[in-house]
Each structure stands twice: as structure tokens, then as C-alpha cells.
Amino acid sequence: MLGAAGRAGYTHAALDTDTDNRTGAAGIYAKVGFVIDQRIVVSRKTV
């Protein structure tokens, strides 16, 4: 899929994942060349 995107002229790919994901998704993405660009913290409170 990323190869096809590159051939179509795209220069970047992005995705997001939960850093607490127990499947190790962040590590898998890093192994194929993705790098962390930003981190977002979401806070919530039950009312």
C-alpha cells in the first residue's frame, strides 16, 4: 500500500496509535520506518 502511494506521488504517510496498546503497535511501526512526530495527551473527567 505504501509503495502504491509513493508511485502515486504521495511523499508522506501518517498513522496514530495508543502508546499503551498492548499489541506493541508502536514498536512494529518503528521497525518499518515510522518515527514519532508528535504526542497528544488527552485528559478527561467524569461529571
PDB file of N, CA and C in Angstrom:
ATOM      1  N   MET A   1       0.817  -1.181   0.000  1.00  0.00           N
ATOM      2  CA  MET A   1       0.000   0.000   0.000  1.00  0.00           C
ATOM      3  C   MET A   1       0.871   1.259   0.000  1.00  0.00           C
ATOM      4  N   LEU A   2       1.915   1.294   0.810  1.00  0.00           N
ATOM      5  CA  LEU A   2       2.760   2.487   0.851  1.00  0.00           C
ATOM      6  C   LEU A   2       3.524   2.652  -0.457  1.00  0.00           C
ATOM      7  N   GLY A   3       3.907   1.545  -1.072  1.00  0.00           N
ATOM      8  CA  GLY A   3       4.582   1.622  -2.367  1.00  0.00           C
ATOM      9  C   GLY A   3       3.688   2.244  -3.418  1.00  0.00           C
ATOM     10  N   ALA A   4       2.421   1.840  -3.432  1.00  0.00           N
ATOM     11  CA  ALA A   4       1.458   2.395  -4.384  1.00  0.00           C
ATOM     12  C   ALA A   4       1.253   3.881  -4.127  1.00  0.00           C
ATOM     13  N   ALA A   5       1.218   4.272  -2.867  1.00  0.00           N
ATOM     14  CA  ALA A   5       1.057   5.693  -2.536  1.00  0.00           C
ATOM     15  C   ALA A   5       2.249   6.493  -3.053  1.00  0.00           C
ATOM     16  N   GLY A   6       3.445   5.964  -2.873  1.00  0.00           N
ATOM     17  CA  GLY A   6       4.640   6.645  -3.374  1.00  0.00           C
ATOM     18  C   GLY A   6       4.618   6.792  -4.884  1.00  0.00           C
ATOM     19  N   ARG A   7       4.213   5.724  -5.580  1.00  0.00           N
ATOM     20  CA  ARG A   7       4.125   5.791  -7.041  1.00  0.00           C
ATOM     21  C   ARG A   7       3.061   6.779  -7.499  1.00  0.00           C
ATOM     22  N   ALA A   8       2.066   7.011  -6.662  1.00  0.00           N
ATOM     23  CA  ALA A   8       1.002   7.956  -6.992  1.00  0.00           C
ATOM     24  C   ALA A   8       1.390   9.397  -6.667  1.00  0.00           C
ATOM     25  N   GLY A   9       2.596   9.589  -6.105  1.00  0.00           N
ATOM     26  CA  GLY A   9       3.069  10.940  -5.844  1.00  0.00           C
ATOM     27  C   GLY A   9       3.024  11.386  -4.397  1.00  0.00           C
ATOM     28  N   TYR A  10       2.500  10.548  -3.529  1.00  0.00           N
ATOM     29  CA  TYR A  10       2.483  10.923  -2.111  1.00  0.00           C
ATOM     30  C   TYR A  10       3.906  10.847  -1.565  1.00  0.00           C
ATOM     31  N   THR A  11       4.241  11.741  -0.654  1.00  0.00           N
ATOM     32  CA  THR A  11       5.590  11.765  -0.095  1.00  0.00           C
ATOM     33  C   THR A  11       5.641  11.381   1.382  1.00  0.00           C
ATOM     34  N   HIS A  12       4.500  11.339   2.048  1.00  0.00           N
ATOM     35  CA  HIS A  12       4.462  11.019   3.470  1.00  0.00           C
ATOM     36  C   HIS A  12       3.260  10.129   3.779  1.00  0.00           C
ATOM     37  N   ALA A  13       3.406   9.348   4.811  1.00  0.00           N
ATOM     38  CA  ALA A  13       2.294   8.557   5.342  1.00  0.00           C
ATOM     39  C   ALA A  13       2.243   8.822   6.843  1.00  0.00           C
ATOM     40  N   ALA A  14       1.070   8.811   7.396  1.00  0.00           N
ATOM     41  CA  ALA A  14       0.913   9.054   8.832  1.00  0.00           C
ATOM     42  C   ALA A  14      -0.089   8.070   9.409  1.00  0.00           C
ATOM     43  N   LEU A  15       0.062   7.793  10.664  1.00  0.00           N
ATOM     44  CA  LEU A  15      -0.890   6.953  11.376  1.00  0.00           C
ATOM     45  C   LEU A  15      -0.852   7.336  12.829  1.00  0.00           C
ATOM     46  N   ASP A  16      -1.799   6.833  13.586  1.00  0.00           N
ATOM     47  CA  ASP A  16      -1.762   7.074  15.026  1.00  0.00           C
ATOM     48  C   ASP A  16      -2.057   5.782  15.757  1.00  0.00           C
ATOM     49  N   THR A  17      -1.575   5.719  16.974  1.00  0.00           N
ATOM     50  CA  THR A  17      -1.798   4.550  17.811  1.00  0.00           C
ATOM     51  C   THR A  17      -1.765   4.966  19.271  1.00  0.00           C
ATOM     52  N   ASP A  18      -2.383   4.183  20.075  1.00  0.00           N
ATOM     53  CA  ASP A  18      -2.363   4.393  21.520  1.00  0.00           C
ATOM     54  C   ASP A  18      -1.035   3.858  22.049  1.00  0.00           C
ATOM     55  N   THR A  19      -0.268   4.679  22.738  1.00  0.00           N
ATOM     56  CA  THR A  19       1.037   4.224  23.228  1.00  0.00           C
ATOM     57  C   THR A  19       0.912   3.127  24.273  1.00  0.00           C
ATOM     58  N   ASP A  20      -0.264   2.984  24.868  1.00  0.00           N
ATOM     59  CA  ASP A  20      -0.488   1.907  25.831  1.00  0.00           C
ATOM     60  C   ASP A  20      -1.010   0.640  25.152  1.00  0.00           C
ATOM     61  N   ASN A  21      -1.048   0.624  23.829  1.00  0.00           N
ATOM     62  CA  ASN A  21      -1.536  -0.520  23.072  1.00  0.00           C
ATOM     63  C   ASN A  21      -0.715  -1.753  23.437  1.00  0.00           C
ATOM     64  N   ARG A  22      -1.368  -2.769  23.910  1.00  0.00           N
ATOM     65  CA  ARG A  22      -0.666  -3.966  24.385  1.00  0.00           C
ATOM     66  C   ARG A  22      -0.184  -4.870  23.260  1.00  0.00           C
ATOM     67  N   THR A  23      -0.566  -4.573  22.027  1.00  0.00           N
ATOM     68  CA  THR A  23      -0.105  -5.388  20.896  1.00  0.00           C
ATOM     69  C   THR A  23       1.287  -4.989  20.440  1.00  0.00           C
ATOM     70  N   GLY A  24       1.820  -3.888  20.976  1.00  0.00           N
ATOM     71  CA  GLY A  24       3.141  -3.429  20.578  1.00  0.00           C
ATOM     72  C   GLY A  24       3.137  -2.713  19.241  1.00  0.00           C
ATOM     73  N   ALA A  25       2.012  -2.132  18.878  1.00  0.00           N
ATOM     74  CA  ALA A  25       1.878  -1.478  17.574  1.00  0.00           C
ATOM     75  C   ALA A  25       2.946  -0.416  17.335  1.00  0.00           C
ATOM     76  N   ALA A  26       3.242   0.395  18.326  1.00  0.00           N
ATOM     77  CA  ALA A  26       4.233   1.467  18.145  1.00  0.00           C
ATOM     78  C   ALA A  26       5.591   0.884  17.768  1.00  0.00           C
ATOM     79  N   GLY A  27       5.971  -0.214  18.374  1.00  0.00           N
ATOM     80  CA  GLY A  27       7.235  -0.865  18.050  1.00  0.00           C
ATOM     81  C   GLY A  27       7.244  -1.441  16.640  1.00  0.00           C
ATOM     82  N   ILE A  28       6.129  -1.986  16.232  1.00  0.00           N
ATOM     83  CA  ILE A  28       6.020  -2.537  14.876  1.00  0.00           C
ATOM     84  C   ILE A  28       6.154  -1.418  13.854  1.00  0.00           C
ATOM     85  N   TYR A  29       5.481  -0.314  14.087  1.00  0.00           N
ATOM     86  CA  TYR A  29       5.568   0.814  13.154  1.00  0.00           C
ATOM     87  C   TYR A  29       6.990   1.351  13.090  1.00  0.00           C
ATOM     88  N   ALA A  30       7.668   1.408  14.231  1.00  0.00           N
ATOM     89  CA  ALA A  30       9.055   1.885  14.249  1.00  0.00           C
ATOM     90  C   ALA A  30       9.961   0.959  13.435  1.00  0.00           C
ATOM     91  N   LYS A  31       9.722  -0.335  13.501  1.00  0.00           N
ATOM     92  CA  LYS A  31      10.545  -1.297  12.768  1.00  0.00           C
ATOM     93  C   LYS A  31      10.445  -1.128  11.256  1.00  0.00           C
ATOM     94  N   VAL A  32       9.328  -0.592  10.784  1.00  0.00           N
ATOM     95  CA  VAL A  32       9.173  -0.398   9.335  1.00  0.00           C
ATOM     96  C   VAL A  32       9.446   1.037   8.913  1.00  0.00           C
ATOM     97  N   GLY A  33      10.010   1.851   9.837  1.00  0.00           N
ATOM     98  CA  GLY A  33      10.495   3.164   9.454  1.00  0.00           C
ATOM     99  C   GLY A  33       9.690   4.361   9.905  1.00  0.00           C
ATOM    100  N   PHE A  34       8.569   4.154  10.569  1.00  0.00           N
ATOM    101  CA  PHE A  34       7.816   5.300  11.077  1.00  0.00           C
ATOM    102  C   PHE A  34       8.528   5.877  12.292  1.00  0.00           C
ATOM    103  N   VAL A  35       8.474   7.185  12.447  1.00  0.00           N
ATOM    104  CA  VAL A  35       9.061   7.853  13.602  1.00  0.00           C
ATOM    105  C   VAL A  35       7.981   8.678  14.302  1.00  0.00           C
ATOM    106  N   ILE A  36       8.141   8.855  15.596  1.00  0.00           N
ATOM    107  CA  ILE A  36       7.175   9.653  16.350  1.00  0.00           C
ATOM    108  C   ILE A  36       7.362  11.119  15.983  1.00  0.00           C
ATOM    109  N   ASP A  37       6.290  11.737  15.560  1.00  0.00           N
ATOM    110  CA  ASP A  37       6.313  13.140  15.155  1.00  0.00           C
ATOM    111  C   ASP A  37       5.712  14.017  16.241  1.00  0.00           C
ATOM    112  N   GLN A  38       4.708  13.511  16.923  1.00  0.00           N
ATOM    113  CA  GLN A  38       4.078  14.271  17.997  1.00  0.00           C
ATOM    114  C   GLN A  38       3.373  13.328  18.949  1.00  0.00           C
ATOM    115  N   ARG A  39       3.191  13.798  20.149  1.00  0.00           N
ATOM    116  CA  ARG A  39       2.456  13.046  21.161  1.00  0.00           C
ATOM    117  C   ARG A  39       1.301  13.918  21.627  1.00  0.00           C
ATOM    118  N   ILE A  40       0.185  13.311  21.835  1.00  0.00           N
ATOM    119  CA  ILE A  40      -1.001  14.038  22.269  1.00  0.00           C
ATOM    120  C   ILE A  40      -1.468  13.433  23.590  1.00  0.00           C
ATOM    121  N   VAL A  41      -1.726  14.287  24.546  1.00  0.00           N
ATOM    122  CA  VAL A  41      -2.246  13.842  25.826  1.00  0.00           C
ATOM    123  C   VAL A  41      -3.702  14.281  25.905  1.00  0.00           C
ATOM    124  N   VAL A  42      -4.556  13.350  26.214  1.00  0.00           N
ATOM    125  CA  VAL A  42      -5.985  13.649  26.352  1.00  0.00           C
ATOM    126  C   VAL A  42      -6.366  13.406  27.799  1.00  0.00           C
ATOM    127  N   SER A  43      -6.928  14.405  28.427  1.00  0.00           N
ATOM    128  CA  SER A  43      -7.387  14.291  29.803  1.00  0.00           C
ATOM    129  C   SER A  43      -8.908  14.313  29.816  1.00  0.00           C
ATOM    130  N   ARG A  44      -9.476  13.551  30.702  1.00  0.00           N
ATOM    131  CA  ARG A  44     -10.938  13.563  30.813  1.00  0.00           C
ATOM    132  C   ARG A  44     -11.349  13.417  32.266  1.00  0.00           C
ATOM    133  N   LYS A  45     -12.558  13.828  32.521  1.00  0.00           N
ATOM    134  CA  LYS A  45     -13.101  13.755  33.865  1.00  0.00           C
ATOM    135  C   LYS A  45     -14.571  13.427  33.762  1.00  0.00           C
ATOM    136  N   THR A  46     -14.991  12.448  34.509  1.00  0.00           N
ATOM    137  CA  THR A  46     -16.405  12.108  34.557  1.00  0.00           C
ATOM    138  C   THR A  46     -17.139  13.193  35.350  1.00  0.00           C
ATOM    139  N   VAL A  47     -18.263  13.648  34.819  1.00  0.00           N
ATOM    140  CA  VAL A  47     -19.036  14.674  35.525  1.00  0.00           C
ATOM    141  C   VAL A  47     -20.401  14.147  35.883  1.00  0.00           C
TER     142      VAL A  47
END
